[in-house]
């Protein structure tokens, strides 16, 4: 989505061509420049916060995905059957 460019603020009275009017316009432009720089800094900070949160969400999703695999198959330990059989001792039950 393309945004429209930022328009300069409209003034309620047309400026007269005098030295004081030029200085007033310079002051207004300097104020607008400072405001826009502050806004850029806030947006940069917000972008970093969002990126950090997205990384955290990705880690949490991966962790939960692994948990879900274990819940779906509670007997799956990731070991091969040969390794499982070596963990237990054989036992015989007589009737």
C-alpha atoms as a PDB file:
ATOM      1  CA  UNK A   1       0.000   0.000   0.000  1.00  0.00           C
ATOM      2  CA  UNK A   2       1.552   3.263  -1.135  1.00  0.00           C
ATOM      3  CA  UNK A   3       1.165   6.183   1.206  1.00  0.00           C
ATOM      4  CA  UNK A   4       0.885   9.761   0.184  1.00  0.00           C
ATOM      5  CA  UNK A   5       3.806  12.089   0.950  1.00  0.00           C
ATOM      6  CA  UNK A   6       3.742  14.228   4.092  1.00  0.00           C
ATOM      7  CA  UNK A   7       2.362  17.639   3.254  1.00  0.00           C
ATOM      8  CA  UNK A   8       3.719  20.776   4.921  1.00  0.00           C
ATOM      9  CA  UNK A   9       1.435  22.378   7.467  1.00  0.00           C
ATOM     10  CA  UNK A  10      -0.927  24.991   6.096  1.00  0.00           C
ATOM     11  CA  UNK A  11      -0.767  28.457   7.605  1.00  0.00           C
ATOM     12  CA  UNK A  12      -3.877  30.421   8.399  1.00  0.00           C
ATOM     13  CA  UNK A  13      -2.504  33.670   7.035  1.00  0.00           C
ATOM     14  CA  UNK A  14      -0.478  34.120   3.888  1.00  0.00           C
ATOM     15  CA  UNK A  15       3.077  35.117   4.622  1.00  0.00           C
ATOM     16  CA  UNK A  16       4.310  38.556   3.741  1.00  0.00           C
ATOM     17  CA  UNK A  17       7.640  38.887   2.041  1.00  0.00           C
ATOM     18  CA  UNK A  18       9.705  40.416   4.806  1.00  0.00           C
ATOM     19  CA  UNK A  19      12.771  39.417   6.770  1.00  0.00           C
ATOM     20  CA  UNK A  20      10.708  38.570   9.846  1.00  0.00           C
ATOM     21  CA  UNK A  21       8.369  36.397   7.755  1.00  0.00           C
ATOM     22  CA  UNK A  22      11.356  34.482   6.366  1.00  0.00           C
ATOM     23  CA  UNK A  23      12.717  33.943   9.882  1.00  0.00           C
ATOM     24  CA  UNK A  24       9.278  32.782  11.016  1.00  0.00           C
ATOM     25  CA  UNK A  25       9.138  30.241   8.179  1.00  0.00           C
ATOM     26  CA  UNK A  26      12.641  29.062   9.041  1.00  0.00           C
ATOM     27  CA  UNK A  27      11.592  28.602  12.665  1.00  0.00           C
ATOM     28  CA  UNK A  28       8.473  26.670  11.646  1.00  0.00           C
ATOM     29  CA  UNK A  29      10.479  24.423   9.319  1.00  0.00           C
ATOM     30  CA  UNK A  30      13.070  23.786  12.030  1.00  0.00           C
ATOM     31  CA  UNK A  31      10.285  22.797  14.454  1.00  0.00           C
ATOM     32  CA  UNK A  32       8.730  20.483  11.875  1.00  0.00           C
ATOM     33  CA  UNK A  33      12.140  18.929  11.147  1.00  0.00           C
ATOM     34  CA  UNK A  34      12.704  18.259  14.862  1.00  0.00           C
ATOM     35  CA  UNK A  35       9.227  16.740  15.224  1.00  0.00           C
ATOM     36  CA  UNK A  36       9.765  14.458  12.229  1.00  0.00           C
ATOM     37  CA  UNK A  37      13.182  13.356  13.512  1.00  0.00           C
ATOM     38  CA  UNK A  38      11.624  12.465  16.878  1.00  0.00           C
ATOM     39  CA  UNK A  39       8.898  10.533  15.087  1.00  0.00           C
ATOM     40  CA  UNK A  40      11.530   8.625  13.069  1.00  0.00           C
ATOM     41  CA  UNK A  41      13.380   7.722  16.268  1.00  0.00           C
ATOM     42  CA  UNK A  42      10.153   6.469  17.863  1.00  0.00           C
ATOM     43  CA  UNK A  43       9.345   4.423  14.763  1.00  0.00           C
ATOM     44  CA  UNK A  44      12.834   2.919  14.764  1.00  0.00           C
ATOM     45  CA  UNK A  45      12.463   1.940  18.428  1.00  0.00           C
ATOM     46  CA  UNK A  46       9.048   0.453  17.740  1.00  0.00           C
ATOM     47  CA  UNK A  47      10.426  -1.504  14.770  1.00  0.00           C
ATOM     48  CA  UNK A  48      13.119  -3.004  16.997  1.00  0.00           C
ATOM     49  CA  UNK A  49      10.513  -3.939  19.628  1.00  0.00           C
ATOM     50  CA  UNK A  50       8.349  -5.619  16.994  1.00  0.00           C
ATOM     51  CA  UNK A  51      11.323  -7.526  15.538  1.00  0.00           C
ATOM     52  CA  UNK A  52      12.335  -8.770  18.984  1.00  0.00           C
ATOM     53  CA  UNK A  53       8.774  -9.895  19.698  1.00  0.00           C
ATOM     54  CA  UNK A  54       8.564 -11.715  16.353  1.00  0.00           C
ATOM     55  CA  UNK A  55      11.797 -13.585  17.139  1.00  0.00           C
ATOM     56  CA  UNK A  56      10.393 -14.519  20.559  1.00  0.00           C
ATOM     57  CA  UNK A  57       7.166 -15.774  18.970  1.00  0.00           C
ATOM     58  CA  UNK A  58       9.146 -17.903  16.484  1.00  0.00           C
ATOM     59  CA  UNK A  59      11.096 -19.507  19.351  1.00  0.00           C
ATOM     60  CA  UNK A  60       7.888 -20.156  21.295  1.00  0.00           C
ATOM     61  CA  UNK A  61       6.188 -21.667  18.239  1.00  0.00           C
ATOM     62  CA  UNK A  62       9.107 -24.025  17.638  1.00  0.00           C
ATOM     63  CA  UNK A  63       9.079 -25.084  21.292  1.00  0.00           C
ATOM     64  CA  UNK A  64       5.323 -25.655  21.292  1.00  0.00           C
ATOM     65  CA  UNK A  65       5.541 -27.590  18.037  1.00  0.00           C
ATOM     66  CA  UNK A  66       8.039 -29.946  19.660  1.00  0.00           C
ATOM     67  CA  UNK A  67       5.752 -30.294  22.689  1.00  0.00           C
ATOM     68  CA  UNK A  68       2.798 -31.066  20.425  1.00  0.00           C
ATOM     69  CA  UNK A  69       4.738 -33.856  18.716  1.00  0.00           C
ATOM     70  CA  UNK A  70       5.469 -35.419  22.106  1.00  0.00           C
ATOM     71  CA  UNK A  71       1.827 -35.115  23.196  1.00  0.00           C
ATOM     72  CA  UNK A  72       0.570 -36.717  19.965  1.00  0.00           C
ATOM     73  CA  UNK A  73       2.818 -39.739  20.525  1.00  0.00           C
ATOM     74  CA  UNK A  74       3.619 -40.083  24.233  1.00  0.00           C
ATOM     75  CA  UNK A  75       5.546 -43.345  23.643  1.00  0.00           C
ATOM     76  CA  UNK A  76       7.858 -41.778  21.104  1.00  0.00           C
ATOM     77  CA  UNK A  77      11.148 -41.027  22.824  1.00  0.00           C
ATOM     78  CA  UNK A  78      13.205 -40.474  19.727  1.00  0.00           C
ATOM     79  CA  UNK A  79      15.222 -43.625  20.488  1.00  0.00           C
ATOM     80  CA  UNK A  80      15.399 -46.577  18.179  1.00  0.00           C
ATOM     81  CA  UNK A  81      13.789 -49.888  19.333  1.00  0.00           C
ATOM     82  CA  UNK A  82      17.235 -51.410  19.828  1.00  0.00           C
ATOM     83  CA  UNK A  83      18.203 -48.635  22.220  1.00  0.00           C
ATOM     84  CA  UNK A  84      14.878 -49.026  24.085  1.00  0.00           C
ATOM     85  CA  UNK A  85      15.358 -52.739  24.611  1.00  0.00           C
ATOM     86  CA  UNK A  86      18.814 -52.221  26.079  1.00  0.00           C
ATOM     87  CA  UNK A  87      17.421 -49.854  28.721  1.00  0.00           C
ATOM     88  CA  UNK A  88      15.222 -52.525  30.332  1.00  0.00           C
ATOM     89  CA  UNK A  89      16.071 -55.847  31.932  1.00  0.00           C
ATOM     90  CA  UNK A  90      14.247 -58.926  30.708  1.00  0.00           C
ATOM     91  CA  UNK A  91      11.754 -60.378  33.183  1.00  0.00           C
ATOM     92  CA  UNK A  92       9.886 -63.670  33.137  1.00  0.00           C
ATOM     93  CA  UNK A  93       6.493 -64.169  34.792  1.00  0.00           C
ATOM     94  CA  UNK A  94       5.220 -67.667  35.536  1.00  0.00           C
ATOM     95  CA  UNK A  95       1.565 -68.511  36.076  1.00  0.00           C
END
